[in-house]
Amino acid sequence: MSKYYVMGNFSQKGVKGLLTGDSNRESIVKKACEAMGCEFISYDITEGIFDFILVLEGDSEQIIAAKGAAMMSDDFDEMISIKAVSVDPIRKNLKQMQSAYTPPSAN
């Protein structure tokens, strides 16, 4: 499982529900994540370019399904996910590629 950061913006419908309702959004999001088999890490309402950020661990199919389900509710205008990666495997792959690759300018 990989760590993902899911960020998005509420639609007008979503903002209205968030501000006039009294549901515990963190608890609801946690329950939905765990129902899919994801590990919930955190959920925060944020100030700035995005209205919220969700941090969880799961696989790409779970993240795609979660984003799809959320977007179908019409409570969101935008949602993106970013997968966290480790730099060590990237360095290893880079070294392996560099040892086998010849750039066009070398010919």
PDB file of N, CA and C in Angstrom:
ATOM      1  N   MET A   1       0.839  -1.182   0.000  1.00  0.00           N
ATOM      2  CA  MET A   1       0.000   0.000   0.000  1.00  0.00           C
ATOM      3  C   MET A   1       0.883   1.245   0.000  1.00  0.00           C
ATOM      4  N   SER A   2       0.410   2.262  -0.673  1.00  0.00           N
ATOM      5  CA  SER A   2       1.148   3.520  -0.781  1.00  0.00           C
ATOM      6  C   SER A   2       0.411   4.622  -0.040  1.00  0.00           C
ATOM      7  N   LYS A   3       1.151   5.657   0.318  1.00  0.00           N
ATOM      8  CA  LYS A   3       0.542   6.819   0.959  1.00  0.00           C
ATOM      9  C   LYS A   3       0.078   7.779  -0.135  1.00  0.00           C
ATOM     10  N   TYR A   4      -1.134   8.297   0.040  1.00  0.00           N
ATOM     11  CA  TYR A   4      -1.706   9.255  -0.900  1.00  0.00           C
ATOM     12  C   TYR A   4      -2.178  10.496  -0.154  1.00  0.00           C
ATOM     13  N   TYR A   5      -2.028  11.625  -0.828  1.00  0.00           N
ATOM     14  CA  TYR A   5      -2.584  12.891  -0.369  1.00  0.00           C
ATOM     15  C   TYR A   5      -3.704  13.231  -1.355  1.00  0.00           C
ATOM     16  N   VAL A   6      -4.914  13.333  -0.866  1.00  0.00           N
ATOM     17  CA  VAL A   6      -6.064  13.660  -1.710  1.00  0.00           C
ATOM     18  C   VAL A   6      -6.521  15.050  -1.301  1.00  0.00           C
ATOM     19  N   MET A   7      -6.550  15.960  -2.276  1.00  0.00           N
ATOM     20  CA  MET A   7      -6.926  17.337  -2.012  1.00  0.00           C
ATOM     21  C   MET A   7      -8.052  17.735  -2.954  1.00  0.00           C
ATOM     22  N   GLY A   8      -8.902  18.625  -2.484  1.00  0.00           N
ATOM     23  CA  GLY A   8      -9.987  19.043  -3.357  1.00  0.00           C
ATOM     24  C   GLY A   8     -10.706  20.270  -2.857  1.00  0.00           C
ATOM     25  N   ASN A   9     -11.705  20.638  -3.656  1.00  0.00           N
ATOM     26  CA  ASN A   9     -12.546  21.795  -3.366  1.00  0.00           C
ATOM     27  C   ASN A   9     -14.005  21.390  -3.376  1.00  0.00           C
ATOM     28  N   PHE A  10     -14.738  21.913  -2.411  1.00  0.00           N
ATOM     29  CA  PHE A  10     -16.169  21.662  -2.326  1.00  0.00           C
ATOM     30  C   PHE A  10     -16.918  22.487  -3.363  1.00  0.00           C
ATOM     31  N   SER A  11     -18.000  21.955  -3.869  1.00  0.00           N
ATOM     32  CA  SER A  11     -18.915  22.721  -4.711  1.00  0.00           C
ATOM     33  C   SER A  11     -19.751  23.614  -3.790  1.00  0.00           C
ATOM     34  N   GLN A  12     -20.586  24.468  -4.378  1.00  0.00           N
ATOM     35  CA  GLN A  12     -21.481  25.295  -3.555  1.00  0.00           C
ATOM     36  C   GLN A  12     -22.383  24.403  -2.706  1.00  0.00           C
ATOM     37  N   LYS A  13     -22.871  23.311  -3.304  1.00  0.00           N
ATOM     38  CA  LYS A  13     -23.705  22.354  -2.569  1.00  0.00           C
ATOM     39  C   LYS A  13     -22.931  21.761  -1.392  1.00  0.00           C
ATOM     40  N   GLY A  14     -21.682  21.395  -1.621  1.00  0.00           N
ATOM     41  CA  GLY A  14     -20.856  20.824  -0.568  1.00  0.00           C
ATOM     42  C   GLY A  14     -20.547  21.813   0.536  1.00  0.00           C
ATOM     43  N   VAL A  15     -20.239  23.049   0.170  1.00  0.00           N
ATOM     44  CA  VAL A  15     -19.960  24.079   1.165  1.00  0.00           C
ATOM     45  C   VAL A  15     -21.184  24.314   2.037  1.00  0.00           C
ATOM     46  N   LYS A  16     -22.344  24.390   1.410  1.00  0.00           N
ATOM     47  CA  LYS A  16     -23.581  24.614   2.169  1.00  0.00           C
ATOM     48  C   LYS A  16     -23.798  23.487   3.179  1.00  0.00           C
ATOM     49  N   GLY A  17     -23.630  22.253   2.746  1.00  0.00           N
ATOM     50  CA  GLY A  17     -23.800  21.125   3.649  1.00  0.00           C
ATOM     51  C   GLY A  17     -22.780  21.121   4.771  1.00  0.00           C
ATOM     52  N   LEU A  18     -21.542  21.458   4.437  1.00  0.00           N
ATOM     53  CA  LEU A  18     -20.471  21.488   5.427  1.00  0.00           C
ATOM     54  C   LEU A  18     -20.737  22.545   6.493  1.00  0.00           C
ATOM     55  N   LEU A  19     -21.128  23.747   6.051  1.00  0.00           N
ATOM     56  CA  LEU A  19     -21.272  24.863   6.977  1.00  0.00           C
ATOM     57  C   LEU A  19     -22.590  24.888   7.731  1.00  0.00           C
ATOM     58  N   THR A  20     -23.647  24.361   7.141  1.00  0.00           N
ATOM     59  CA  THR A  20     -24.947  24.395   7.823  1.00  0.00           C
ATOM     60  C   THR A  20     -25.282  23.080   8.512  1.00  0.00           C
ATOM     61  N   GLY A  21     -24.577  22.022   8.169  1.00  0.00           N
ATOM     62  CA  GLY A  21     -24.825  20.732   8.804  1.00  0.00           C
ATOM     63  C   GLY A  21     -23.996  20.574  10.065  1.00  0.00           C
ATOM     64  N   ASP A  22     -24.226  19.462  10.742  1.00  0.00           N
ATOM     65  CA  ASP A  22     -23.468  19.220  11.969  1.00  0.00           C
ATOM     66  C   ASP A  22     -22.808  17.840  11.966  1.00  0.00           C
ATOM     67  N   SER A  23     -22.618  17.269  10.771  1.00  0.00           N
ATOM     68  CA  SER A  23     -21.984  15.952  10.691  1.00  0.00           C
ATOM     69  C   SER A  23     -20.495  16.068  10.970  1.00  0.00           C
ATOM     70  N   ASN A  24     -19.924  15.003  11.479  1.00  0.00           N
ATOM     71  CA  ASN A  24     -18.484  14.933  11.737  1.00  0.00           C
ATOM     72  C   ASN A  24     -17.833  14.392  10.471  1.00  0.00           C
ATOM     73  N   ARG A  25     -17.349  15.294   9.609  1.00  0.00           N
ATOM     74  CA  ARG A  25     -16.814  14.893   8.306  1.00  0.00           C
ATOM     75  C   ARG A  25     -15.619  13.954   8.457  1.00  0.00           C
ATOM     76  N   GLU A  26     -14.754  14.192   9.426  1.00  0.00           N
ATOM     77  CA  GLU A  26     -13.589  13.333   9.602  1.00  0.00           C
ATOM     78  C   GLU A  26     -14.026  11.897   9.881  1.00  0.00           C
ATOM     79  N   SER A  27     -15.005  11.736  10.742  1.00  0.00           N
ATOM     80  CA  SER A  27     -15.494  10.397  11.080  1.00  0.00           C
ATOM     81  C   SER A  27     -16.121   9.704   9.872  1.00  0.00           C
ATOM     82  N   ILE A  28     -16.860  10.448   9.086  1.00  0.00           N
ATOM     83  CA  ILE A  28     -17.516   9.900   7.897  1.00  0.00           C
ATOM     84  C   ILE A  28     -16.480   9.492   6.850  1.00  0.00           C
ATOM     85  N   VAL A  29     -15.490  10.343   6.626  1.00  0.00           N
ATOM     86  CA  VAL A  29     -14.434  10.043   5.652  1.00  0.00           C
ATOM     87  C   VAL A  29     -13.629   8.827   6.117  1.00  0.00           C
ATOM     88  N   LYS A  30     -13.316   8.775   7.400  1.00  0.00           N
ATOM     89  CA  LYS A  30     -12.567   7.636   7.951  1.00  0.00           C
ATOM     90  C   LYS A  30     -13.329   6.331   7.737  1.00  0.00           C
ATOM     91  N   LYS A  31     -14.610   6.335   8.022  1.00  0.00           N
ATOM     92  CA  LYS A  31     -15.444   5.137   7.855  1.00  0.00           C
ATOM     93  C   LYS A  31     -15.463   4.686   6.387  1.00  0.00           C
ATOM     94  N   ALA A  32     -15.589   5.637   5.474  1.00  0.00           N
ATOM     95  CA  ALA A  32     -15.617   5.308   4.041  1.00  0.00           C
ATOM     96  C   ALA A  32     -14.276   4.738   3.580  1.00  0.00           C
ATOM     97  N   CYS A  33     -13.172   5.334   4.042  1.00  0.00           N
ATOM     98  CA  CYS A  33     -11.840   4.838   3.668  1.00  0.00           C
ATOM     99  C   CYS A  33     -11.632   3.413   4.178  1.00  0.00           C
ATOM    100  N   GLU A  34     -11.977   3.190   5.422  1.00  0.00           N
ATOM    101  CA  GLU A  34     -11.777   1.872   6.018  1.00  0.00           C
ATOM    102  C   GLU A  34     -12.681   0.820   5.388  1.00  0.00           C
ATOM    103  N   ALA A  35     -13.866   1.220   4.898  1.00  0.00           N
ATOM    104  CA  ALA A  35     -14.769   0.279   4.225  1.00  0.00           C
ATOM    105  C   ALA A  35     -14.136  -0.268   2.948  1.00  0.00           C
ATOM    106  N   MET A  36     -13.259   0.532   2.315  1.00  0.00           N
ATOM    107  CA  MET A  36     -12.563   0.094   1.104  1.00  0.00           C
ATOM    108  C   MET A  36     -11.276  -0.647   1.410  1.00  0.00           C
ATOM    109  N   GLY A  37     -10.880  -0.695   2.668  1.00  0.00           N
ATOM    110  CA  GLY A  37      -9.630  -1.349   3.017  1.00  0.00           C
ATOM    111  C   GLY A  37      -8.443  -0.414   3.075  1.00  0.00           C
ATOM    112  N   CYS A  38      -8.678   0.889   2.991  1.00  0.00           N
ATOM    113  CA  CYS A  38      -7.599   1.861   3.100  1.00  0.00           C
ATOM    114  C   CYS A  38      -7.317   2.151   4.569  1.00  0.00           C
ATOM    115  N   GLU A  39      -6.099   2.577   4.843  1.00  0.00           N
ATOM    116  CA  GLU A  39      -5.756   3.021   6.188  1.00  0.00           C
ATOM    117  C   GLU A  39      -5.889   4.532   6.235  1.00  0.00           C
ATOM    118  N   PHE A  40      -6.813   5.011   7.037  1.00  0.00           N
ATOM    119  CA  PHE A  40      -7.048   6.438   7.222  1.00  0.00           C
ATOM    120  C   PHE A  40      -5.937   7.014   8.093  1.00  0.00           C
ATOM    121  N   ILE A  41      -5.333   8.114   7.664  1.00  0.00           N
ATOM    122  CA  ILE A  41      -4.300   8.776   8.457  1.00  0.00           C
ATOM    123  C   ILE A  41      -4.813  10.100   9.007  1.00  0.00           C
ATOM    124  N   SER A  42      -5.340  10.968   8.134  1.00  0.00           N
ATOM    125  CA  SER A  42      -5.875  12.245   8.626  1.00  0.00           C
ATOM    126  C   SER A  42      -6.782  12.886   7.583  1.00  0.00           C
ATOM    127  N   TYR A  43      -7.616  13.794   8.058  1.00  0.00           N
ATOM    128  CA  TYR A  43      -8.502  14.580   7.203  1.00  0.00           C
ATOM    129  C   TYR A  43      -8.595  15.960   7.822  1.00  0.00           C
ATOM    130  N   ASP A  44      -8.294  16.987   7.029  1.00  0.00           N
ATOM    131  CA  ASP A  44      -8.336  18.353   7.537  1.00  0.00           C
ATOM    132  C   ASP A  44      -9.010  19.282   6.537  1.00  0.00           C
ATOM    133  N   ILE A  45      -9.798  20.204   7.063  1.00  0.00           N
ATOM    134  CA  ILE A  45     -10.293  21.325   6.277  1.00  0.00           C
ATOM    135  C   ILE A  45      -9.131  22.318   6.237  1.00  0.00           C
ATOM    136  N   THR A  46      -8.853  22.866   5.067  1.00  0.00           N
ATOM    137  CA  THR A  46      -7.669  23.709   4.918  1.00  0.00           C
ATOM    138  C   THR A  46      -8.018  25.090   4.371  1.00  0.00           C
ATOM    139  N   GLU A  47      -7.117  26.003   4.594  1.00  0.00           N
ATOM    140  CA  GLU A  47      -7.217  27.349   4.064  1.00  0.00           C
ATOM    141  C   GLU A  47      -6.243  27.449   2.899  1.00  0.00           C
ATOM    142  N   GLY A  48      -6.668  28.064   1.830  1.00  0.00           N
ATOM    143  CA  GLY A  48      -5.766  28.224   0.695  1.00  0.00           C
ATOM    144  C   GLY A  48      -6.379  27.679  -0.573  1.00  0.00           C
ATOM    145  N   ILE A  49      -5.541  27.143  -1.434  1.00  0.00           N
ATOM    146  CA  ILE A  49      -5.965  26.706  -2.754  1.00  0.00           C
ATOM    147  C   ILE A  49      -6.937  25.522  -2.705  1.00  0.00           C
ATOM    148  N   PHE A  50      -6.818  24.664  -1.688  1.00  0.00           N
ATOM    149  CA  PHE A  50      -7.727  23.524  -1.536  1.00  0.00           C
ATOM    150  C   PHE A  50      -8.526  23.674  -0.251  1.00  0.00           C
ATOM    151  N   ASP A  51      -9.738  23.114  -0.280  1.00  0.00           N
ATOM    152  CA  ASP A  51     -10.636  23.174   0.879  1.00  0.00           C
ATOM    153  C   ASP A  51     -10.354  22.075   1.900  1.00  0.00           C
ATOM    154  N   PHE A  52      -9.760  20.975   1.450  1.00  0.00           N
ATOM    155  CA  PHE A  52      -9.473  19.877   2.366  1.00  0.00           C
ATOM    156  C   PHE A  52      -8.278  19.079   1.869  1.00  0.00           C
ATOM    157  N   ILE A  53      -7.684  18.322   2.791  1.00  0.00           N
ATOM    158  CA  ILE A  53      -6.646  17.358   2.443  1.00  0.00           C
ATOM    159  C   ILE A  53      -6.891  16.096   3.255  1.00  0.00           C
ATOM    160  N   LEU A  54      -6.856  14.982   2.560  1.00  0.00           N
ATOM    161  CA  LEU A  54      -7.027  13.664   3.155  1.00  0.00           C
ATOM    162  C   LEU A  54      -5.727  12.904   2.950  1.00  0.00           C
ATOM    163  N   VAL A  55      -5.237  12.269   4.002  1.00  0.00           N
ATOM    164  CA  VAL A  55      -4.033  11.452   3.897  1.00  0.00           C
ATOM    165  C   VAL A  55      -4.435  10.024   4.249  1.00  0.00           C
ATOM    166  N   LEU A  56      -4.100   9.096   3.350  1.00  0.00           N
ATOM    167  CA  LEU A  56      -4.447   7.699   3.585  1.00  0.00           C
ATOM    168  C   LEU A  56      -3.449   6.785   2.921  1.00  0.00           C
ATOM    169  N   GLU A  57      -3.529   5.507   3.260  1.00  0.00           N
ATOM    170  CA  GLU A  57      -2.715   4.503   2.601  1.00  0.00           C
ATOM    171  C   GLU A  57      -3.645   3.536   1.906  1.00  0.00           C
ATOM    172  N   GLY A  58      -3.319   3.226   0.661  1.00  0.00           N
ATOM    173  CA  GLY A  58      -4.136   2.322  -0.133  1.00  0.00           C
ATOM    174  C   GLY A  58      -3.453   2.052  -1.453  1.00  0.00           C
ATOM    175  N   ASP A  59      -4.216   1.481  -2.388  1.00  0.00           N
ATOM    176  CA  ASP A  59      -3.670   1.259  -3.726  1.00  0.00           C
ATOM    177  C   ASP A  59      -4.390   2.170  -4.713  1.00  0.00           C
ATOM    178  N   SER A  60      -3.855   2.262  -5.911  1.00  0.00           N
ATOM    179  CA  SER A  60      -4.381   3.234  -6.880  1.00  0.00           C
ATOM    180  C   SER A  60      -5.834   2.954  -7.242  1.00  0.00           C
ATOM    181  N   GLU A  61      -6.235   1.693  -7.286  1.00  0.00           N
ATOM    182  CA  GLU A  61      -7.630   1.377  -7.611  1.00  0.00           C
ATOM    183  C   GLU A  61      -8.583   1.895  -6.523  1.00  0.00           C
ATOM    184  N   GLN A  62      -8.163   1.804  -5.272  1.00  0.00           N
ATOM    185  CA  GLN A  62      -8.990   2.325  -4.181  1.00  0.00           C
ATOM    186  C   GLN A  62      -9.097   3.844  -4.255  1.00  0.00           C
ATOM    187  N   ILE A  63      -8.000   4.492  -4.570  1.00  0.00           N
ATOM    188  CA  ILE A  63      -7.995   5.959  -4.649  1.00  0.00           C
ATOM    189  C   ILE A  63      -8.882   6.431  -5.794  1.00  0.00           C
ATOM    190  N   ILE A  64      -8.795   5.774  -6.934  1.00  0.00           N
ATOM    191  CA  ILE A  64      -9.631   6.137  -8.083  1.00  0.00           C
ATOM    192  C   ILE A  64     -11.110   5.942  -7.743  1.00  0.00           C
ATOM    193  N   ALA A  65     -11.433   4.830  -7.092  1.00  0.00           N
ATOM    194  CA  ALA A  65     -12.823   4.561  -6.710  1.00  0.00           C
ATOM    195  C   ALA A  65     -13.326   5.608  -5.715  1.00  0.00           C
ATOM    196  N   ALA A  66     -12.501   5.945  -4.738  1.00  0.00           N
ATOM    197  CA  ALA A  66     -12.904   6.929  -3.728  1.00  0.00           C
ATOM    198  C   ALA A  66     -13.159   8.295  -4.355  1.00  0.00           C
ATOM    199  N   LYS A  67     -12.249   8.712  -5.231  1.00  0.00           N
ATOM    200  CA  LYS A  67     -12.439   9.996  -5.904  1.00  0.00           C
ATOM    201  C   LYS A  67     -13.684   9.974  -6.773  1.00  0.00           C
ATOM    202  N   GLY A  68     -13.907   8.868  -7.481  1.00  0.00           N
ATOM    203  CA  GLY A  68     -15.091   8.750  -8.330  1.00  0.00           C
ATOM    204  C   GLY A  68     -16.375   8.837  -7.537  1.00  0.00           C
ATOM    205  N   ALA A  69     -16.428   8.116  -6.430  1.00  0.00           N
ATOM    206  CA  ALA A  69     -17.632   8.136  -5.587  1.00  0.00           C
ATOM    207  C   ALA A  69     -17.885   9.532  -5.036  1.00  0.00           C
ATOM    208  N   ALA A  70     -16.829  10.184  -4.578  1.00  0.00           N
ATOM    209  CA  ALA A  70     -16.981  11.530  -4.029  1.00  0.00           C
ATOM    210  C   ALA A  70     -17.445  12.513  -5.101  1.00  0.00           C
ATOM    211  N   MET A  71     -16.863  12.444  -6.288  1.00  0.00           N
ATOM    212  CA  MET A  71     -17.232  13.369  -7.357  1.00  0.00           C
ATOM    213  C   MET A  71     -18.667  13.147  -7.837  1.00  0.00           C
ATOM    214  N   MET A  72     -19.147  11.908  -7.779  1.00  0.00           N
ATOM    215  CA  MET A  72     -20.530  11.626  -8.195  1.00  0.00           C
ATOM    216  C   MET A  72     -21.554  12.251  -7.262  1.00  0.00           C
ATOM    217  N   SER A  73     -21.134  12.634  -6.062  1.00  0.00           N
ATOM    218  CA  SER A  73     -22.066  13.244  -5.103  1.00  0.00           C
ATOM    219  C   SER A  73     -22.406  14.685  -5.470  1.00  0.00           C
ATOM    220  N   ASP A  74     -21.671  15.283  -6.371  1.00  0.00           N
ATOM    221  CA  ASP A  74     -21.813  16.693  -6.736  1.00  0.00           C
ATOM    222  C   ASP A  74     -21.482  17.644  -5.590  1.00  0.00           C
ATOM    223  N   ASP A  75     -20.810  17.159  -4.554  1.00  0.00           N
ATOM    224  CA  ASP A  75     -20.399  18.001  -3.438  1.00  0.00           C
ATOM    225  C   ASP A  75     -18.989  18.552  -3.618  1.00  0.00           C
ATOM    226  N   PHE A  76     -18.350  18.187  -4.730  1.00  0.00           N
ATOM    227  CA  PHE A  76     -16.981  18.618  -4.983  1.00  0.00           C
ATOM    228  C   PHE A  76     -16.847  19.157  -6.398  1.00  0.00           C
ATOM    229  N   ASP A  77     -16.045  20.198  -6.559  1.00  0.00           N
ATOM    230  CA  ASP A  77     -15.748  20.742  -7.883  1.00  0.00           C
ATOM    231  C   ASP A  77     -14.458  20.169  -8.445  1.00  0.00           C
ATOM    232  N   GLU A  78     -13.528  19.829  -7.573  1.00  0.00           N
ATOM    233  CA  GLU A  78     -12.215  19.378  -8.006  1.00  0.00           C
ATOM    234  C   GLU A  78     -11.636  18.465  -6.946  1.00  0.00           C
ATOM    235  N   MET A  79     -10.888  17.458  -7.397  1.00  0.00           N
ATOM    236  CA  MET A  79     -10.194  16.564  -6.474  1.00  0.00           C
ATOM    237  C   MET A  79      -8.980  15.979  -7.183  1.00  0.00           C
ATOM    238  N   ILE A  80      -7.843  16.020  -6.520  1.00  0.00           N
ATOM    239  CA  ILE A  80      -6.628  15.435  -7.070  1.00  0.00           C
ATOM    240  C   ILE A  80      -6.008  14.525  -6.018  1.00  0.00           C
ATOM    241  N   SER A  81      -5.202  13.592  -6.479  1.00  0.00           N
ATOM    242  CA  SER A  81      -4.461  12.754  -5.545  1.00  0.00           C
ATOM    243  C   SER A  81      -2.995  12.758  -5.947  1.00  0.00           C
ATOM    244  N   ILE A  82      -2.154  12.699  -4.943  1.00  0.00           N
ATOM    245  CA  ILE A  82      -0.710  12.654  -5.146  1.00  0.00           C
ATOM    246  C   ILE A  82      -0.178  11.466  -4.363  1.00  0.00           C
ATOM    247  N   LYS A  83       0.558  10.605  -5.048  1.00  0.00           N
ATOM    248  CA  LYS A  83       1.142   9.428  -4.416  1.00  0.00           C
ATOM    249  C   LYS A  83       2.522   9.776  -3.885  1.00  0.00           C
ATOM    250  N   ALA A  84       2.758   9.466  -2.614  1.00  0.00           N
ATOM    251  CA  ALA A  84       4.079   9.672  -2.025  1.00  0.00           C
ATOM    252  C   ALA A  84       5.001   8.544  -2.486  1.00  0.00           C
ATOM    253  N   VAL A  85       6.238   8.886  -2.785  1.00  0.00           N
ATOM    254  CA  VAL A  85       7.211   7.891  -3.232  1.00  0.00           C
ATOM    255  C   VAL A  85       8.505   8.045  -2.440  1.00  0.00           C
ATOM    256  N   SER A  86       9.293   6.987  -2.412  1.00  0.00           N
ATOM    257  CA  SER A  86      10.589   6.998  -1.741  1.00  0.00           C
ATOM    258  C   SER A  86      11.675   7.336  -2.759  1.00  0.00           C
ATOM    259  N   VAL A  87      12.617   8.152  -2.372  1.00  0.00           N
ATOM    260  CA  VAL A  87      13.678   8.572  -3.286  1.00  0.00           C
ATOM    261  C   VAL A  87      14.702   7.458  -3.528  1.00  0.00           C
ATOM    262  N   ASP A  88      14.897   6.544  -2.592  1.00  0.00           N
ATOM    263  CA  ASP A  88      15.921   5.508  -2.754  1.00  0.00           C
ATOM    264  C   ASP A  88      15.699   4.623  -3.986  1.00  0.00           C
ATOM    265  N   PRO A  89      14.492   4.085  -4.210  1.00  0.00           N
ATOM    266  CA  PRO A  89      14.295   3.294  -5.429  1.00  0.00           C
ATOM    267  C   PRO A  89      14.457   4.129  -6.708  1.00  0.00           C
ATOM    268  N   ILE A  90      14.112   5.402  -6.631  1.00  0.00           N
ATOM    269  CA  ILE A  90      14.290   6.280  -7.797  1.00  0.00           C
ATOM    270  C   ILE A  90      15.772   6.407  -8.125  1.00  0.00           C
ATOM    271  N   ARG A  91      16.584   6.620  -7.114  1.00  0.00           N
ATOM    272  CA  ARG A  91      18.027   6.711  -7.332  1.00  0.00           C
ATOM    273  C   ARG A  91      18.587   5.419  -7.918  1.00  0.00           C
ATOM    274  N   LYS A  92      18.138   4.286  -7.395  1.00  0.00           N
ATOM    275  CA  LYS A  92      18.599   2.985  -7.888  1.00  0.00           C
ATOM    276  C   LYS A  92      18.238   2.814  -9.361  1.00  0.00           C
ATOM    277  N   ASN A  93      16.984   3.141  -9.708  1.00  0.00           N
ATOM    278  CA  ASN A  93      16.554   3.022 -11.103  1.00  0.00           C
ATOM    279  C   ASN A  93      17.318   3.974 -12.013  1.00  0.00           C
ATOM    280  N   LEU A  94      17.577   5.170 -11.527  1.00  0.00           N
ATOM    281  CA  LEU A  94      18.330   6.143 -12.314  1.00  0.00           C
ATOM    282  C   LEU A  94      19.737   5.620 -12.624  1.00  0.00           C
ATOM    283  N   LYS A  95      20.405   5.073 -11.615  1.00  0.00           N
ATOM    284  CA  LYS A  95      21.757   4.543 -11.819  1.00  0.00           C
ATOM    285  C   LYS A  95      21.743   3.380 -12.815  1.00  0.00           C
ATOM    286  N   GLN A  96      20.744   2.514 -12.720  1.00  0.00           N
ATOM    287  CA  GLN A  96      20.652   1.383 -13.646  1.00  0.00           C
ATOM    288  C   GLN A  96      20.412   1.872 -15.067  1.00  0.00           C
ATOM    289  N   MET A  97      19.553   2.856 -15.220  1.00  0.00           N
ATOM    290  CA  MET A  97      19.282   3.377 -16.552  1.00  0.00           C
ATOM    291  C   MET A  97      20.511   4.065 -17.126  1.00  0.00           C
ATOM    292  N   GLN A  98      21.175   4.873 -16.299  1.00  0.00           N
ATOM    293  CA  GLN A  98      22.351   5.597 -16.774  1.00  0.00           C
ATOM    294  C   GLN A  98      23.455   4.648 -17.237  1.00  0.00           C
ATOM    295  N   SER A  99      23.542   3.483 -16.611  1.00  0.00           N
ATOM    296  CA  SER A  99      24.583   2.535 -17.012  1.00  0.00           C
ATOM    297  C   SER A  99      24.262   1.866 -18.347  1.00  0.00           C
ATOM    298  N   ALA A 100      23.006   1.895 -18.769  1.00  0.00           N
ATOM    299  CA  ALA A 100      22.612   1.224 -20.014  1.00  0.00           C
ATOM    300  C   ALA A 100      22.215   2.186 -21.133  1.00  0.00           C
ATOM    301  N   TYR A 101      22.043   3.449 -20.821  1.00  0.00           N
ATOM    302  CA  TYR A 101      21.518   4.416 -21.794  1.00  0.00           C
ATOM    303  C   TYR A 101      22.639   5.193 -22.471  1.00  0.00           C
ATOM    304  N   THR A 102      22.504   5.353 -23.770  1.00  0.00           N
ATOM    305  CA  THR A 102      23.402   6.205 -24.539  1.00  0.00           C
ATOM    306  C   THR A 102      22.552   7.326 -25.133  1.00  0.00           C
ATOM    307  N   PRO A 103      22.831   8.573 -24.789  1.00  0.00           N
ATOM    308  CA  PRO A 103      22.039   9.672 -25.339  1.00  0.00           C
ATOM    309  C   PRO A 103      22.294   9.847 -26.831  1.00  0.00           C
ATOM    310  N   PRO A 104      21.324  10.411 -27.559  1.00  0.00           N
ATOM    311  CA  PRO A 104      21.493  10.614 -28.997  1.00  0.00           C
ATOM    312  C   PRO A 104      22.718  11.445 -29.345  1.00  0.00           C
ATOM    313  N   SER A 105      23.066  12.385 -28.500  1.00  0.00           N
ATOM    314  CA  SER A 105      24.216  13.265 -28.788  1.00  0.00           C
ATOM    315  C   SER A 105      25.555  12.548 -28.654  1.00  0.00           C
ATOM    316  N   ALA A 106      25.588  11.345 -28.111  1.00  0.00           N
ATOM    317  CA  ALA A 106      26.839  10.610 -27.918  1.00  0.00           C
ATOM    318  C   ALA A 106      27.253   9.879 -29.191  1.00  0.00           C
ATOM    319  N   ASN A 107      26.397   9.784 -30.176  1.00  0.00           N
ATOM    320  CA  ASN A 107      26.718   9.053 -31.407  1.00  0.00           C
ATOM    321  C   ASN A 107      27.433   9.911 -32.412  1.00  0.00           C
TER     322      ASN A 107
END
